[in-house]
All heavy atoms as atom14 arrays in JSON, in Angstrom:
{
  "sequence": "TATHLELGARLVLDDRGDEHRYDRLLLATGSRPRSL",
  "atom14_mask": [
    [1, 1, 1, 1, 1, 1, 1, 0, 0, 0, 0, 0, 0, 0],
    [1, 1, 1, 1, 1, 0, 0, 0, 0, 0, 0, 0, 0, 0],
    [1, 1, 1, 1, 1, 1, 1, 0, 0, 0, 0, 0, 0, 0],
    [1, 1, 1, 1, 1, 1, 1, 1, 1, 1, 0, 0, 0, 0],
    [1, 1, 1, 1, 1, 1, 1, 1, 0, 0, 0, 0, 0, 0],
    [1, 1, 1, 1, 1, 1, 1, 1, 1, 0, 0, 0, 0, 0],
    [1, 1, 1, 1, 1, 1, 1, 1, 0, 0, 0, 0, 0, 0],
    [1, 1, 1, 1, 0, 0, 0, 0, 0, 0, 0, 0, 0, 0],
    [1, 1, 1, 1, 1, 0, 0, 0, 0, 0, 0, 0, 0, 0],
    [1, 1, 1, 1, 1, 1, 1, 1, 1, 1, 1, 0, 0, 0],
    [1, 1, 1, 1, 1, 1, 1, 1, 0, 0, 0, 0, 0, 0],
    [1, 1, 1, 1, 1, 1, 1, 0, 0, 0, 0, 0, 0, 0],
    [1, 1, 1, 1, 1, 1, 1, 1, 0, 0, 0, 0, 0, 0],
    [1, 1, 1, 1, 1, 1, 1, 1, 0, 0, 0, 0, 0, 0],
    [1, 1, 1, 1, 1, 1, 1, 1, 0, 0, 0, 0, 0, 0],
    [1, 1, 1, 1, 1, 1, 1, 1, 1, 1, 1, 0, 0, 0],
    [1, 1, 1, 1, 0, 0, 0, 0, 0, 0, 0, 0, 0, 0],
    [1, 1, 1, 1, 1, 1, 1, 1, 0, 0, 0, 0, 0, 0],
    [1, 1, 1, 1, 1, 1, 1, 1, 1, 0, 0, 0, 0, 0],
    [1, 1, 1, 1, 1, 1, 1, 1, 1, 1, 0, 0, 0, 0],
    [1, 1, 1, 1, 1, 1, 1, 1, 1, 1, 1, 0, 0, 0],
    [1, 1, 1, 1, 1, 1, 1, 1, 1, 1, 1, 1, 0, 0],
    [1, 1, 1, 1, 1, 1, 1, 1, 0, 0, 0, 0, 0, 0],
    [1, 1, 1, 1, 1, 1, 1, 1, 1, 1, 1, 0, 0, 0],
    [1, 1, 1, 1, 1, 1, 1, 1, 0, 0, 0, 0, 0, 0],
    [1, 1, 1, 1, 1, 1, 1, 1, 0, 0, 0, 0, 0, 0],
    [1, 1, 1, 1, 1, 1, 1, 1, 0, 0, 0, 0, 0, 0],
    [1, 1, 1, 1, 1, 0, 0, 0, 0, 0, 0, 0, 0, 0],
    [1, 1, 1, 1, 1, 1, 1, 0, 0, 0, 0, 0, 0, 0],
    [1, 1, 1, 1, 0, 0, 0, 0, 0, 0, 0, 0, 0, 0],
    [1, 1, 1, 1, 1, 1, 0, 0, 0, 0, 0, 0, 0, 0],
    [1, 1, 1, 1, 1, 1, 1, 1, 1, 1, 1, 0, 0, 0],
    [1, 1, 1, 1, 1, 1, 1, 0, 0, 0, 0, 0, 0, 0],
    [1, 1, 1, 1, 1, 1, 1, 1, 1, 1, 1, 0, 0, 0],
    [1, 1, 1, 1, 1, 1, 0, 0, 0, 0, 0, 0, 0, 0],
    [1, 1, 1, 1, 1, 1, 1, 1, 0, 0, 0, 0, 0, 0]
  ],
  "atom14_positions": [
    [[34.52, 140.6, 187.84], [34.82, 139.59, 186.85], [34.08, 139.88, 185.56], [32.85, 140.06, 185.56], [34.4, 138.19, 187.35], [35.13, 137.9, 188.54], [34.7, 137.12, 186.32], [0.0, 0.0, 0.0], [0.0, 0.0, 0.0], [0.0, 0.0, 0.0], [0.0, 0.0, 0.0], [0.0, 0.0, 0.0], [0.0, 0.0, 0.0], [0.0, 0.0, 0.0]],
    [[34.81, 139.94, 184.42], [34.18, 140.08, 183.13], [33.47, 138.78, 182.78], [34.04, 137.71, 182.94], [35.17, 140.44, 182.05], [0.0, 0.0, 0.0], [0.0, 0.0, 0.0], [0.0, 0.0, 0.0], [0.0, 0.0, 0.0], [0.0, 0.0, 0.0], [0.0, 0.0, 0.0], [0.0, 0.0, 0.0], [0.0, 0.0, 0.0], [0.0, 0.0, 0.0]],
    [[32.24, 138.87, 182.35], [31.44, 137.66, 182.08], [31.06, 137.47, 180.61], [30.73, 136.36, 180.22], [30.16, 137.69, 182.9], [29.4, 138.89, 182.57], [30.44, 137.71, 184.39], [0.0, 0.0, 0.0], [0.0, 0.0, 0.0], [0.0, 0.0, 0.0], [0.0, 0.0, 0.0], [0.0, 0.0, 0.0], [0.0, 0.0, 0.0], [0.0, 0.0, 0.0]],
    [[31.16, 138.52, 179.83], [30.7, 138.38, 178.41], [31.32, 139.48, 177.58], [31.5, 140.61, 178.06], [29.15, 138.5, 178.37], [28.58, 138.26, 177.02], [28.62, 137.07, 176.36], [27.97, 139.14, 176.14], [28.03, 137.16, 175.2], [27.63, 138.42, 175.02], [0.0, 0.0, 0.0], [0.0, 0.0, 0.0], [0.0, 0.0, 0.0], [0.0, 0.0, 0.0]],
    [[31.66, 139.15, 176.35], [32.18, 140.12, 175.39], [31.2, 140.22, 174.22], [30.7, 139.22, 173.72], [33.51, 139.69, 174.82], [34.69, 139.49, 175.77], [35.92, 139.07, 174.96], [34.96, 140.75, 176.54], [0.0, 0.0, 0.0], [0.0, 0.0, 0.0], [0.0, 0.0, 0.0], [0.0, 0.0, 0.0], [0.0, 0.0, 0.0], [0.0, 0.0, 0.0]],
    [[30.91, 141.46, 173.81], [30.15, 141.69, 172.58], [31.09, 142.41, 171.63], [31.23, 143.62, 171.72], [28.9, 142.47, 172.87], [27.87, 141.73, 173.72], [26.57, 142.48, 173.9], [26.42, 143.59, 173.29], [25.71, 142.02, 174.65], [0.0, 0.0, 0.0], [0.0, 0.0, 0.0], [0.0, 0.0, 0.0], [0.0, 0.0, 0.0], [0.0, 0.0, 0.0]],
    [[31.77, 141.63, 170.79], [32.81, 142.19, 169.97], [32.28, 143.2, 168.95], [32.91, 144.21, 168.71], [33.56, 141.07, 169.22], [34.25, 140.03, 170.15], [34.91, 138.97, 169.32], [35.26, 140.72, 171.03], [0.0, 0.0, 0.0], [0.0, 0.0, 0.0], [0.0, 0.0, 0.0], [0.0, 0.0, 0.0], [0.0, 0.0, 0.0], [0.0, 0.0, 0.0]],
    [[31.1, 142.92, 168.41], [30.53, 143.86, 167.42], [30.19, 145.18, 168.05], [30.41, 146.27, 167.43], [0.0, 0.0, 0.0], [0.0, 0.0, 0.0], [0.0, 0.0, 0.0], [0.0, 0.0, 0.0], [0.0, 0.0, 0.0], [0.0, 0.0, 0.0], [0.0, 0.0, 0.0], [0.0, 0.0, 0.0], [0.0, 0.0, 0.0], [0.0, 0.0, 0.0]],
    [[29.67, 145.17, 169.23], [29.3, 146.4, 169.95], [30.44, 146.99, 170.75], [30.34, 148.06, 171.33], [28.12, 146.12, 170.87], [0.0, 0.0, 0.0], [0.0, 0.0, 0.0], [0.0, 0.0, 0.0], [0.0, 0.0, 0.0], [0.0, 0.0, 0.0], [0.0, 0.0, 0.0], [0.0, 0.0, 0.0], [0.0, 0.0, 0.0], [0.0, 0.0, 0.0]],
    [[31.58, 146.26, 170.78], [32.77, 146.69, 171.55], [32.41, 146.9, 173.03], [32.68, 147.96, 173.59], [33.4, 147.94, 170.95], [33.96, 147.72, 169.56], [34.52, 148.97, 168.96], [35.14, 148.71, 167.66], [36.41, 148.67, 167.42], [37.27, 148.93, 168.38], [36.9, 148.43, 166.2], [0.0, 0.0, 0.0], [0.0, 0.0, 0.0], [0.0, 0.0, 0.0]],
    [[31.85, 145.91, 173.63], [31.42, 145.96, 175.03], [31.93, 144.79, 175.82], [32.02, 143.67, 175.32], [29.89, 145.95, 175.14], [29.12, 147.2, 174.67], [27.63, 146.94, 174.8], [29.51, 148.42, 175.54], [0.0, 0.0, 0.0], [0.0, 0.0, 0.0], [0.0, 0.0, 0.0], [0.0, 0.0, 0.0], [0.0, 0.0, 0.0], [0.0, 0.0, 0.0]],
    [[32.31, 145.12, 177.07], [32.61, 144.05, 178.05], [31.56, 144.16, 179.13], [31.33, 145.23, 179.68], [34.0, 144.3, 178.67], [34.31, 143.23, 179.74], [35.11, 144.27, 177.59], [0.0, 0.0, 0.0], [0.0, 0.0, 0.0], [0.0, 0.0, 0.0], [0.0, 0.0, 0.0], [0.0, 0.0, 0.0], [0.0, 0.0, 0.0], [0.0, 0.0, 0.0]],
    [[30.93, 143.02, 179.46], [29.95, 142.99, 180.54], [30.57, 142.32, 181.75], [31.32, 141.33, 181.59], [28.71, 142.2, 180.07], [27.74, 142.94, 179.09], [28.39, 143.16, 177.74], [26.43, 142.15, 178.94], [0.0, 0.0, 0.0], [0.0, 0.0, 0.0], [0.0, 0.0, 0.0], [0.0, 0.0, 0.0], [0.0, 0.0, 0.0], [0.0, 0.0, 0.0]],
    [[30.22, 142.73, 182.94], [30.81, 142.15, 184.16], [29.74, 141.58, 185.08], [28.52, 141.65, 184.83], [31.69, 143.16, 184.89], [30.91, 144.31, 185.53], [29.76, 144.11, 185.94], [31.48, 145.4, 185.69], [0.0, 0.0, 0.0], [0.0, 0.0, 0.0], [0.0, 0.0, 0.0], [0.0, 0.0, 0.0], [0.0, 0.0, 0.0], [0.0, 0.0, 0.0]],
    [[30.19, 140.93, 186.15], [29.3, 140.22, 187.04], [28.53, 141.15, 187.93], [27.68, 140.68, 188.73], [30.05, 139.19, 187.86], [31.14, 139.79, 188.71], [31.47, 141.01, 188.57], [31.76, 139.06, 189.54], [0.0, 0.0, 0.0], [0.0, 0.0, 0.0], [0.0, 0.0, 0.0], [0.0, 0.0, 0.0], [0.0, 0.0, 0.0], [0.0, 0.0, 0.0]],
    [[28.73, 142.44, 187.85], [27.92, 143.43, 188.61], [26.82, 144.04, 187.74], [26.11, 144.91, 188.2], [28.83, 144.49, 189.19], [29.85, 143.97, 190.19], [30.67, 145.11, 190.78], [31.64, 144.56, 191.74], [32.46, 145.34, 192.46], [32.39, 146.64, 192.34], [33.32, 144.76, 193.33], [0.0, 0.0, 0.0], [0.0, 0.0, 0.0], [0.0, 0.0, 0.0]],
    [[26.76, 143.56, 186.51], [25.75, 144.1, 185.58], [26.13, 145.35, 184.83], [25.33, 145.93, 184.12], [0.0, 0.0, 0.0], [0.0, 0.0, 0.0], [0.0, 0.0, 0.0], [0.0, 0.0, 0.0], [0.0, 0.0, 0.0], [0.0, 0.0, 0.0], [0.0, 0.0, 0.0], [0.0, 0.0, 0.0], [0.0, 0.0, 0.0], [0.0, 0.0, 0.0]],
    [[27.42, 145.74, 184.95], [27.89, 146.93, 184.24], [28.4, 146.61, 182.86], [28.88, 145.46, 182.61], [28.97, 147.63, 185.06], [28.49, 148.2, 186.38], [27.3, 148.59, 186.41], [29.27, 148.26, 187.32], [0.0, 0.0, 0.0], [0.0, 0.0, 0.0], [0.0, 0.0, 0.0], [0.0, 0.0, 0.0], [0.0, 0.0, 0.0], [0.0, 0.0, 0.0]],
    [[28.3, 147.58, 181.95], [28.83, 147.46, 180.59], [29.99, 148.41, 180.41], [29.91, 149.56, 180.91], [27.75, 147.77, 179.55], [26.58, 146.76, 179.58], [25.55, 147.1, 178.5], [25.66, 148.19, 177.88], [24.65, 146.25, 178.27], [0.0, 0.0, 0.0], [0.0, 0.0, 0.0], [0.0, 0.0, 0.0], [0.0, 0.0, 0.0], [0.0, 0.0, 0.0]],
    [[31.02, 147.98, 179.73], [32.23, 148.83, 179.55], [32.55, 148.87, 178.05], [32.93, 147.84, 177.48], [33.41, 148.24, 180.35], [33.06, 147.96, 181.79], [32.97, 148.94, 182.74], [32.77, 146.79, 182.39], [32.63, 148.38, 183.88], [32.5, 147.08, 183.71], [0.0, 0.0, 0.0], [0.0, 0.0, 0.0], [0.0, 0.0, 0.0], [0.0, 0.0, 0.0]],
    [[32.42, 150.04, 177.5], [32.76, 150.23, 176.1], [34.28, 150.34, 175.92], [34.97, 150.89, 176.82], [32.1, 151.5, 175.55], [32.31, 151.74, 174.07], [31.92, 153.19, 173.7], [32.64, 154.16, 174.52], [33.9, 154.52, 174.31], [34.63, 153.97, 173.32], [34.47, 155.41, 175.11], [0.0, 0.0, 0.0], [0.0, 0.0, 0.0], [0.0, 0.0, 0.0]],
    [[34.78, 149.8, 174.82], [36.24, 149.94, 174.54], [36.47, 150.35, 173.12], [35.67, 150.05, 172.23], [36.95, 148.62, 174.83], [36.58, 147.47, 173.93], [37.21, 147.32, 172.67], [35.61, 146.53, 174.28], [36.87, 146.28, 171.83], [35.25, 145.47, 173.43], [35.89, 145.36, 172.18], [35.56, 144.35, 171.34], [0.0, 0.0, 0.0], [0.0, 0.0, 0.0]],
    [[37.59, 151.03, 172.93], [38.1, 151.25, 171.56], [39.17, 150.17, 171.23], [39.26, 149.71, 170.11], [38.74, 152.62, 171.44], [37.74, 153.73, 171.63], [36.65, 153.64, 170.97], [37.95, 154.66, 172.43], [0.0, 0.0, 0.0], [0.0, 0.0, 0.0], [0.0, 0.0, 0.0], [0.0, 0.0, 0.0], [0.0, 0.0, 0.0], [0.0, 0.0, 0.0]],
    [[39.97, 149.82, 172.25], [40.88, 148.64, 172.18], [40.7, 147.82, 173.43], [40.45, 148.36, 174.53], [42.36, 149.12, 172.08], [42.62, 150.11, 170.95], [43.08, 149.41, 169.67], [42.85, 150.32, 168.51], [43.59, 151.4, 168.24], [44.63, 151.69, 168.98], [43.29, 152.14, 167.23], [0.0, 0.0, 0.0], [0.0, 0.0, 0.0], [0.0, 0.0, 0.0]],
    [[40.85, 146.52, 173.24], [40.62, 145.6, 174.36], [41.81, 144.64, 174.45], [42.29, 144.08, 173.47], [39.35, 144.77, 174.06], [39.02, 143.63, 175.04], [38.72, 144.16, 176.4], [37.84, 142.8, 174.5], [0.0, 0.0, 0.0], [0.0, 0.0, 0.0], [0.0, 0.0, 0.0], [0.0, 0.0, 0.0], [0.0, 0.0, 0.0], [0.0, 0.0, 0.0]],
    [[42.29, 144.48, 175.68], [43.37, 143.51, 175.98], [42.78, 142.44, 176.88], [42.25, 142.73, 177.99], [44.55, 144.18, 176.63], [45.65, 143.22, 177.15], [46.26, 142.42, 176.03], [46.7, 143.99, 177.92], [0.0, 0.0, 0.0], [0.0, 0.0, 0.0], [0.0, 0.0, 0.0], [0.0, 0.0, 0.0], [0.0, 0.0, 0.0], [0.0, 0.0, 0.0]],
    [[42.91, 141.18, 176.49], [42.53, 140.04, 177.29], [43.77, 139.47, 177.94], [44.7, 139.07, 177.27], [41.83, 138.98, 176.46], [40.54, 139.41, 175.72], [40.03, 138.29, 174.86], [39.48, 139.9, 176.72], [0.0, 0.0, 0.0], [0.0, 0.0, 0.0], [0.0, 0.0, 0.0], [0.0, 0.0, 0.0], [0.0, 0.0, 0.0], [0.0, 0.0, 0.0]],
    [[43.78, 139.47, 179.27], [44.94, 138.98, 180.02], [44.4, 138.23, 181.22], [44.7, 138.58, 182.4], [45.87, 140.12, 180.43], [0.0, 0.0, 0.0], [0.0, 0.0, 0.0], [0.0, 0.0, 0.0], [0.0, 0.0, 0.0], [0.0, 0.0, 0.0], [0.0, 0.0, 0.0], [0.0, 0.0, 0.0], [0.0, 0.0, 0.0], [0.0, 0.0, 0.0]],
    [[43.61, 137.22, 180.95], [42.83, 136.57, 182.01], [43.59, 135.47, 182.74], [43.05, 134.9, 183.7], [41.51, 136.0, 181.45], [41.8, 135.33, 180.21], [40.53, 137.12, 181.17], [0.0, 0.0, 0.0], [0.0, 0.0, 0.0], [0.0, 0.0, 0.0], [0.0, 0.0, 0.0], [0.0, 0.0, 0.0], [0.0, 0.0, 0.0], [0.0, 0.0, 0.0]],
    [[44.81, 135.12, 182.32], [45.66, 134.24, 183.09], [45.19, 132.82, 183.05], [44.55, 132.33, 182.09], [0.0, 0.0, 0.0], [0.0, 0.0, 0.0], [0.0, 0.0, 0.0], [0.0, 0.0, 0.0], [0.0, 0.0, 0.0], [0.0, 0.0, 0.0], [0.0, 0.0, 0.0], [0.0, 0.0, 0.0], [0.0, 0.0, 0.0], [0.0, 0.0, 0.0]],
    [[45.58, 132.04, 184.08], [45.34, 130.61, 184.16], [44.74, 130.23, 185.49], [44.8, 131.02, 186.44], [46.64, 129.82, 183.98], [47.21, 130.07, 182.69], [0.0, 0.0, 0.0], [0.0, 0.0, 0.0], [0.0, 0.0, 0.0], [0.0, 0.0, 0.0], [0.0, 0.0, 0.0], [0.0, 0.0, 0.0], [0.0, 0.0, 0.0], [0.0, 0.0, 0.0]],
    [[44.23, 129.02, 185.56], [43.77, 128.43, 186.82], [44.41, 127.04, 186.98], [44.79, 126.41, 185.98], [42.24, 128.26, 186.82], [41.73, 127.31, 185.75], [40.26, 126.97, 186.0], [39.42, 128.16, 186.02], [38.9, 128.73, 184.9], [39.2, 128.22, 183.7], [38.16, 129.8, 184.99], [0.0, 0.0, 0.0], [0.0, 0.0, 0.0], [0.0, 0.0, 0.0]],
    [[44.61, 126.59, 188.21], [45.18, 125.27, 188.4], [44.29, 124.19, 187.81], [43.07, 124.22, 187.95], [45.29, 125.15, 189.92], [45.2, 126.54, 190.45], [44.36, 127.29, 189.49], [0.0, 0.0, 0.0], [0.0, 0.0, 0.0], [0.0, 0.0, 0.0], [0.0, 0.0, 0.0], [0.0, 0.0, 0.0], [0.0, 0.0, 0.0], [0.0, 0.0, 0.0]],
    [[44.92, 123.2, 187.2], [44.15, 122.05, 186.7], [43.82, 121.12, 187.85], [44.57, 121.03, 188.85], [44.98, 121.3, 185.64], [45.26, 122.05, 184.37], [45.98, 121.17, 183.37], [46.36, 121.94, 182.18], [45.57, 122.19, 181.13], [44.32, 121.67, 181.13], [46.0, 122.88, 180.11], [0.0, 0.0, 0.0], [0.0, 0.0, 0.0], [0.0, 0.0, 0.0]],
    [[42.74, 120.4, 187.71], [42.35, 119.34, 188.68], [42.56, 118.02, 187.97], [42.78, 117.93, 186.72], [40.89, 119.49, 189.1], [40.04, 119.44, 187.97], [0.0, 0.0, 0.0], [0.0, 0.0, 0.0], [0.0, 0.0, 0.0], [0.0, 0.0, 0.0], [0.0, 0.0, 0.0], [0.0, 0.0, 0.0], [0.0, 0.0, 0.0], [0.0, 0.0, 0.0]],
    [[42.52, 116.94, 188.72], [42.65, 115.6, 188.14], [41.25, 115.01, 187.97], [40.42, 114.99, 188.89], [43.45, 114.72, 189.08], [44.94, 114.84, 189.05], [45.6, 113.91, 190.05], [45.49, 114.51, 187.64], [0.0, 0.0, 0.0], [0.0, 0.0, 0.0], [0.0, 0.0, 0.0], [0.0, 0.0, 0.0], [0.0, 0.0, 0.0], [0.0, 0.0, 0.0]]
  ]
}
C-alpha cells in the first residue's frame, strides 16, 4: 500500500518502508464502500 507522496522529490513511499522514484506517476487507487 502506498502511504505517502512527495511530489517535489518524485517519490512514492509504501507501508513496507520502501521508496519508489518516478518520472511519471499514475494514481488509480479506486473506491471503498461507504458506511452509514
